Amino acid sequence: PEPDQDPDLDLDLAYGDYEVGVQTITITDTSGGDRDLTVDVWFPLIDSATDGAGPQQYIFAPGVYYESPFAFAVGSESIAPDGPFPLVIYSHGSGGLRYISSNYTEALASNGYIVAAADHTGNTALELITGAEVDGPSNAINRPNDVTRIIDAFLDPESTETVGFVAAVNPGQIAVTGHSVGGFTAYAMASGYSTDAGEFVADERVLALITLAPATDGLTDDQLLSIQIPALVMAGTDDTSTPIDPNVTRPWNQSASSPSYRVDLLAAEHQSFSDVCAYQDFVPTLPDVPQLFIDFIDDYAEEGCEPDDMPIERAQAITNTFAVAFLNEVFKGGEMIQIDEVDEQTDLVFQAE
């Protein structure tokens, strides 16, 4: 039977009033290392910016891409003038890509947020395919440091790489969101983290967290307890890659976040928080796509695109709606969705503390 989608859950929040632009930039490693960051930036557009603009293409490899049904490939000169806007940093999962949840990042931008996401070098789909992944301890330190470097760049008026965005960012309104290991990255931004590969000190500029099917087994109870900023965690009850218990139950029970929200999506899986289902439909329509890419996408799609999974459109609508409502509460004086507003929703469980 179809789930009861009660109209009290205002899914209009999933997509806002702004058209969305996307620009790819590079943030150079000025420390003497070789960790330049390729970053996609989503942003709200001025009304005229879409005239003659083409759809954004998220390119995996030459001739292999996903074409956005919503966002336009334009530059920062087209940012809507009614900012400054809050800044949201997105962190992809292990073996992911900076744009792998573009439905989500585009939805945030359409509601008046600037969203930036980097490829975490050494932990992307490319390294997974080629066997060039970095070791776990190094990756766990690299990731939050990548996020801090993005924040630094977007707050630096002298940066030649982000100069078109700096004036449009509100430096006092910064959130981090992430999927899977990106969820670990988000928590680490607020808790700090250390391994044999180094130490990351919590970034106090981060004022809110949204984690999606987070991987949290590397975080100690004390680290989770140190997190006090507002947080929202969302996960699927059928997720076998990062099961809700303990990956959601531990931070939900241990962290001191206030406010703290949790949404469990019934029959959703790990990739219900990515665009893999759309890739599975779109990429095979392109000419001469190597079978390697088709197989790679199909493997991922088993965790969210099967007939008995929550329909991906529903998972995305729930995710986007709760994320926007949460960010609006934290940064724009909005009101978070109330528990009694979703009592009739049979495909989700919403909790608040």
Protein backbone atom coordinates (compact mmCIF):
# COMPACT_ATOMS: atom_id res chain seq x y z
CA PRO A 1 0.00 0.00 0.00
CA GLU A 2 1.05 3.60 -0.59
CA PRO A 3 2.31 5.38 2.55
CA ASP A 4 0.00 7.97 4.08
CA GLN A 5 1.52 11.26 2.91
CA ASP A 6 -0.47 13.63 5.07
CA PRO A 7 -0.58 17.19 3.69
CA ASP A 8 0.49 18.53 7.09
CA LEU A 9 4.06 17.66 6.05
CA ASP A 10 4.76 20.71 3.91
CA LEU A 11 6.89 19.22 1.15
CA ASP A 12 6.88 22.59 -0.58
CA LEU A 13 9.90 23.32 1.62
CA ALA A 14 11.90 20.81 -0.41
CA TYR A 15 12.36 23.33 -3.22
CA GLY A 16 12.46 27.04 -2.58
CA ASP A 17 11.77 30.14 -4.63
CA TYR A 18 15.23 30.59 -6.13
CA GLU A 19 16.57 29.13 -9.34
CA VAL A 20 19.95 27.49 -8.68
CA GLY A 21 23.35 28.01 -10.26
CA VAL A 22 26.40 25.75 -10.04
CA GLN A 23 30.04 26.64 -10.54
CA THR A 24 33.11 24.43 -10.14
CA ILE A 25 36.18 26.05 -8.59
CA THR A 26 39.56 24.92 -7.28
CA ILE A 27 40.87 25.75 -3.82
CA THR A 28 44.64 25.54 -4.04
CA ASP A 29 46.71 23.93 -1.31
CA THR A 30 48.94 26.80 -0.17
CA SER A 31 50.58 24.77 2.61
CA GLY A 32 53.14 23.27 0.25
CA GLY A 33 51.21 20.02 -0.09
CA ASP A 34 49.45 18.61 -3.11
CA ARG A 35 45.86 18.58 -1.83
CA ASP A 36 44.10 21.02 -4.15
CA LEU A 37 40.34 20.77 -3.70
CA THR A 38 37.87 20.59 -6.58
CA VAL A 39 34.73 22.23 -5.24
CA ASP A 40 31.21 22.56 -6.61
CA VAL A 41 29.26 25.59 -5.38
CA TRP A 42 25.46 25.83 -5.54
CA PHE A 43 23.87 29.23 -5.06
CA PRO A 44 20.59 31.16 -5.46
CA LEU A 45 20.31 33.04 -8.75
CA ILE A 46 19.10 36.42 -9.88
CA ASP A 47 15.95 36.12 -11.97
CA SER A 48 17.60 36.80 -15.33
CA ALA A 49 20.54 34.43 -14.87
CA THR A 50 18.85 31.47 -16.55
CA ASP A 51 18.39 33.28 -19.86
CA GLY A 52 20.42 31.26 -22.34
CA ALA A 53 22.04 29.19 -19.57
CA GLY A 54 22.38 25.45 -20.01
CA PRO A 55 21.69 22.75 -17.44
CA GLN A 56 24.49 21.77 -15.12
CA GLN A 57 26.27 18.56 -16.13
CA TYR A 58 27.97 16.62 -13.34
CA ILE A 59 30.81 14.91 -15.19
CA PHE A 60 32.21 11.57 -14.00
CA ALA A 61 34.54 11.06 -16.97
CA PRO A 62 34.68 12.24 -20.61
CA GLY A 63 31.27 11.44 -22.11
CA VAL A 64 29.87 10.16 -18.81
CA TYR A 65 27.78 12.63 -16.86
CA TYR A 66 24.48 13.31 -15.12
CA GLU A 67 22.48 16.30 -16.30
CA SER A 68 20.67 18.20 -13.58
CA PRO A 69 16.93 18.63 -14.16
CA PHE A 70 16.98 21.73 -11.97
CA ALA A 71 20.29 23.65 -11.78
CA PHE A 72 22.03 25.87 -14.33
CA ALA A 73 25.72 26.12 -15.21
CA VAL A 74 26.45 29.78 -14.48
CA GLY A 75 29.06 31.79 -12.59
CA SER A 76 29.13 33.60 -9.28
CA GLU A 77 28.33 36.91 -10.99
CA SER A 78 24.75 35.62 -11.14
CA ILE A 79 24.24 35.21 -7.37
CA ALA A 80 20.98 36.71 -6.12
CA PRO A 81 21.65 40.15 -4.60
CA ASP A 82 19.49 39.73 -1.48
CA GLY A 83 22.14 38.01 0.60
CA PRO A 84 24.34 37.47 2.43
CA PHE A 85 23.33 33.83 2.69
CA PRO A 86 24.24 31.11 5.19
CA LEU A 87 27.03 28.78 4.04
CA VAL A 88 26.50 24.99 4.10
CA ILE A 89 29.41 22.62 3.47
CA TYR A 90 28.49 19.13 2.17
CA SER A 91 30.82 16.14 2.68
CA HIS A 92 30.32 13.07 0.49
CA GLY A 93 30.58 9.47 1.66
CA SER A 94 33.43 7.04 1.11
CA GLY A 95 33.73 6.31 -2.60
CA GLY A 96 31.45 9.24 -3.37
CA LEU A 97 31.79 12.52 -5.26
CA ARG A 98 31.23 16.16 -4.44
CA TYR A 99 27.95 16.25 -6.39
CA ILE A 100 26.60 12.79 -5.55
CA SER A 101 23.69 14.32 -3.60
CA SER A 102 22.97 17.21 -5.96
CA ASN A 103 19.22 16.84 -5.51
CA TYR A 104 19.85 17.73 -1.86
CA THR A 105 22.47 20.45 -2.37
CA GLU A 106 20.39 22.06 -5.12
CA ALA A 107 17.32 22.05 -2.87
CA LEU A 108 19.23 23.83 -0.10
CA ALA A 109 20.49 26.47 -2.53
CA SER A 110 16.96 27.02 -3.86
CA ASN A 111 15.96 28.03 -0.34
CA GLY A 112 18.60 30.74 -0.02
CA TYR A 113 21.78 28.93 0.99
CA ILE A 114 25.23 28.83 -0.57
CA VAL A 115 26.37 25.20 -0.59
CA ALA A 116 29.93 24.03 -1.25
CA ALA A 117 31.23 20.46 -1.60
CA ALA A 118 34.71 19.17 -2.36
CA ASP A 119 35.97 15.87 -3.68
CA HIS A 120 37.79 14.37 -0.68
CA THR A 121 40.91 13.31 -2.58
CA GLY A 122 41.90 9.75 -1.74
CA ASN A 123 38.34 8.77 -0.86
CA THR A 124 36.32 9.41 -4.04
CA ALA A 125 34.72 7.07 -6.56
CA LEU A 126 37.75 7.51 -8.82
CA GLU A 127 40.14 6.23 -6.16
CA LEU A 128 37.76 3.41 -5.31
CA ILE A 129 37.67 2.28 -8.95
CA THR A 130 41.44 2.60 -9.43
CA GLY A 131 42.46 1.24 -6.03
CA ALA A 132 44.20 4.48 -5.04
CA GLU A 133 42.36 5.11 -1.76
CA VAL A 134 44.29 6.51 1.19
CA ASP A 135 44.46 4.70 4.52
CA GLY A 136 41.66 5.15 7.05
CA PRO A 137 43.50 7.24 9.67
CA SER A 138 44.77 9.69 7.04
CA ASN A 139 41.33 9.96 5.48
CA ALA A 140 39.73 10.66 8.88
CA ILE A 141 42.05 13.65 9.35
CA ASN A 142 42.03 14.84 5.74
CA ARG A 143 38.26 15.13 5.59
CA PRO A 144 37.57 17.67 8.36
CA ASN A 145 40.66 19.60 7.33
CA ASP A 146 39.20 19.81 3.82
CA VAL A 147 36.02 21.32 5.26
CA THR A 148 37.96 23.87 7.31
CA ARG A 149 39.91 24.89 4.20
CA ILE A 150 36.65 25.43 2.32
CA ILE A 151 35.32 27.61 5.13
CA ASP A 152 38.60 29.57 5.20
CA ALA A 153 38.39 30.21 1.46
CA PHE A 154 34.76 31.33 1.51
CA LEU A 155 35.48 33.82 4.29
CA ASP A 156 38.69 35.21 2.74
CA PRO A 157 38.09 38.44 0.80
CA GLU A 158 41.58 38.15 -0.71
CA SER A 159 41.02 34.69 -2.18
CA THR A 160 41.13 34.78 -5.97
CA GLU A 161 39.33 31.42 -6.09
CA THR A 162 36.25 32.32 -4.05
CA VAL A 163 36.22 36.09 -4.62
CA GLY A 164 32.85 35.91 -6.38
CA PHE A 165 31.23 34.24 -3.37
CA VAL A 166 32.78 35.83 -0.27
CA ALA A 167 30.56 38.91 -0.17
CA ALA A 168 27.46 36.71 -0.52
CA VAL A 169 28.31 34.53 2.50
CA ASN A 170 27.26 35.33 6.05
CA PRO A 171 30.37 34.42 8.09
CA GLY A 172 28.32 33.92 11.25
CA GLN A 173 25.98 31.33 9.71
CA ILE A 174 27.86 28.16 8.79
CA ALA A 175 26.58 24.57 8.82
CA VAL A 176 28.15 21.27 7.80
CA THR A 177 26.22 18.33 6.40
CA GLY A 178 27.41 14.95 5.17
CA HIS A 179 26.43 11.47 4.10
CA SER A 180 27.92 8.26 5.54
CA VAL A 181 31.60 8.99 6.26
CA GLY A 182 30.62 12.54 5.42
CA GLY A 183 28.37 12.30 8.48
CA PHE A 184 31.44 11.37 10.52
CA THR A 185 33.15 14.40 8.98
CA ALA A 186 30.31 16.67 10.06
CA TYR A 187 30.40 15.40 13.64
CA ALA A 188 34.20 15.68 13.72
CA MET A 189 33.93 19.37 12.79
CA ALA A 190 32.20 19.95 16.12
CA SER A 191 33.90 17.32 18.29
CA GLY A 192 37.48 17.31 17.08
CA TYR A 193 39.27 14.10 16.19
CA SER A 194 42.71 12.56 16.38
CA THR A 195 44.47 9.54 14.89
CA ASP A 196 48.05 8.43 14.39
CA ALA A 197 47.93 10.57 11.23
CA GLY A 198 47.33 13.78 13.17
CA GLU A 199 44.85 15.82 15.16
CA PHE A 200 41.92 17.95 14.09
CA VAL A 201 40.69 20.62 16.49
CA ALA A 202 36.95 21.37 16.41
CA ASP A 203 36.08 24.33 14.18
CA GLU A 204 34.03 26.73 16.30
CA ARG A 205 32.74 28.57 13.23
CA VAL A 206 30.44 25.62 12.52
CA LEU A 207 27.10 26.33 14.20
CA ALA A 208 24.85 23.51 12.96
CA LEU A 209 25.10 19.91 11.72
CA ILE A 210 22.98 17.71 9.46
CA THR A 211 24.09 14.11 9.11
CA LEU A 212 22.63 11.61 6.64
CA ALA A 213 23.08 7.89 7.33
CA PRO A 214 26.24 8.76 9.26
CA ALA A 215 29.15 6.44 9.97
CA THR A 216 30.00 7.14 13.60
CA ASP A 217 31.88 4.11 14.92
CA GLY A 218 35.18 6.05 14.93
CA LEU A 219 33.88 8.68 17.33
CA THR A 220 34.17 8.16 21.08
CA ASP A 221 31.34 8.78 23.53
CA ASP A 222 33.30 11.72 24.97
CA GLN A 223 33.71 13.26 21.53
CA LEU A 224 30.00 12.94 20.85
CA LEU A 225 29.20 14.38 24.28
CA SER A 226 31.25 17.47 23.43
CA ILE A 227 28.90 18.36 20.55
CA GLN A 228 26.49 21.04 21.72
CA ILE A 229 25.46 22.86 18.53
CA PRO A 230 22.06 22.22 16.89
CA ALA A 231 21.95 18.91 15.02
CA LEU A 232 19.64 16.92 12.77
CA VAL A 233 20.32 13.28 11.90
CA MET A 234 18.40 11.34 9.24
CA ALA A 235 18.80 7.68 8.33
CA GLY A 236 17.04 4.73 6.74
CA THR A 237 15.71 1.82 8.77
CA ASP A 238 16.92 -0.69 6.12
CA ASP A 239 20.46 0.68 5.95
CA THR A 240 22.96 -2.18 6.28
CA SER A 241 26.09 -0.12 5.52
CA THR A 242 25.70 2.24 8.47
CA PRO A 243 22.85 0.72 10.49
CA ILE A 244 20.82 3.07 12.68
CA ASP A 245 22.02 1.10 15.70
CA PRO A 246 24.68 2.20 16.63
CA ASN A 247 25.44 4.89 14.03
CA VAL A 248 22.40 7.02 14.87
CA THR A 249 21.49 5.78 18.33
CA ARG A 250 24.94 6.65 19.77
CA PRO A 251 25.08 10.31 18.70
CA TRP A 252 21.38 10.68 19.43
CA ASN A 253 21.89 9.44 22.99
CA GLN A 254 25.37 10.82 23.65
CA SER A 255 25.59 14.27 22.10
CA ALA A 256 24.55 17.39 23.98
CA SER A 257 23.17 19.13 20.88
CA SER A 258 20.36 21.60 21.45
CA PRO A 259 18.04 21.49 19.68
CA SER A 260 18.49 17.91 18.49
CA TYR A 261 16.30 16.22 15.89
CA ARG A 262 16.13 12.74 14.40
CA VAL A 263 14.22 11.40 11.40
CA ASP A 264 14.11 7.67 10.62
CA LEU A 265 12.92 6.93 7.08
CA LEU A 266 11.15 3.56 6.97
CA ALA A 267 12.42 1.20 4.24
CA ALA A 268 15.07 3.70 3.15
CA GLU A 269 18.62 2.45 2.62
CA HIS A 270 22.12 3.88 2.51
CA GLN A 271 21.92 5.33 -1.00
CA SER A 272 18.46 6.81 -0.41
CA PHE A 273 20.43 9.96 0.47
CA SER A 274 22.31 10.14 -2.85
CA ASP A 275 21.44 10.54 -6.53
CA VAL A 276 22.45 7.01 -7.50
CA CYS A 277 18.91 6.07 -8.58
CA ALA A 278 18.86 9.01 -11.01
CA TYR A 279 22.30 7.99 -12.31
CA GLN A 280 21.02 4.48 -12.90
CA ASP A 281 18.23 5.86 -15.09
CA PHE A 282 20.20 8.57 -16.90
CA VAL A 283 23.73 7.33 -17.54
CA PRO A 284 22.78 4.28 -19.70
CA THR A 285 20.99 6.66 -22.10
CA LEU A 286 24.34 8.23 -23.03
CA PRO A 287 26.24 6.86 -26.04
CA ASP A 288 29.20 4.53 -25.56
CA VAL A 289 29.30 4.54 -21.77
CA PRO A 290 31.89 2.00 -20.56
CA GLN A 291 30.26 -0.96 -18.84
CA LEU A 292 32.54 -0.32 -15.86
CA PHE A 293 30.50 2.78 -14.99
CA ILE A 294 27.17 1.03 -15.46
CA ASP A 295 28.23 -1.81 -13.17
CA PHE A 296 29.59 0.60 -10.57
CA ILE A 297 26.32 2.53 -10.44
CA ASP A 298 24.22 -0.65 -10.37
CA ASP A 299 26.18 -1.95 -7.39
CA TYR A 300 25.51 1.23 -5.43
CA ALA A 301 21.86 1.29 -6.55
CA GLU A 302 21.18 -1.99 -4.73
CA GLU A 303 21.15 0.09 -1.52
CA GLY A 304 18.21 2.35 -2.26
CA CYS A 305 16.74 1.82 -5.72
CA GLU A 306 15.08 -1.58 -5.38
CA PRO A 307 11.28 -2.04 -5.62
CA ASP A 308 10.87 -2.68 -1.88
CA ASP A 309 12.85 0.44 -0.88
CA MET A 310 11.20 3.73 0.00
CA PRO A 311 10.57 5.45 -3.37
CA ILE A 312 13.53 7.71 -3.99
CA GLU A 313 11.35 10.74 -4.74
CA ARG A 314 9.72 10.35 -1.32
CA ALA A 315 13.08 9.89 0.45
CA GLN A 316 14.44 13.02 -1.20
CA ALA A 317 11.35 15.07 -0.39
CA ILE A 318 11.51 14.09 3.28
CA THR A 319 15.26 14.70 3.50
CA ASN A 320 15.13 18.08 1.80
CA THR A 321 12.07 19.27 3.70
CA PHE A 322 13.43 18.49 7.16
CA ALA A 323 16.90 19.84 6.28
CA VAL A 324 15.50 23.15 5.04
CA ALA A 325 13.16 23.52 8.03
CA PHE A 326 16.06 22.83 10.41
CA LEU A 327 18.42 25.30 8.75
CA ASN A 328 15.68 27.91 8.59
CA GLU A 329 15.10 27.51 12.33
CA VAL A 330 18.79 27.87 13.15
CA PHE A 331 19.68 30.69 10.76
CA LYS A 332 16.51 32.45 9.62
CA GLY A 333 14.19 32.54 12.60
CA GLY A 334 11.94 29.88 11.10
CA GLU A 335 10.01 27.19 12.91
CA MET A 336 11.03 23.56 12.80
CA ILE A 337 8.46 20.97 11.76
CA GLN A 338 6.47 19.91 14.81
CA ILE A 339 6.05 16.28 15.81
CA ASP A 340 2.25 16.51 15.73
CA GLU A 341 2.46 17.73 12.13
CA VAL A 342 3.85 14.36 11.03
CA ASP A 343 1.93 11.99 13.32
CA GLU A 344 0.04 10.61 10.31
CA GLN A 345 3.18 9.95 8.27
CA THR A 346 3.46 6.17 8.29
CA ASP A 347 6.82 6.09 6.50
CA LEU A 348 8.88 8.16 8.94
CA VAL A 349 9.53 8.57 12.66
CA PHE A 350 10.41 12.06 13.89
CA GLN A 351 11.91 12.76 17.31
CA ALA A 352 12.99 16.01 18.96
CA GLU A 353 14.95 16.87 22.10
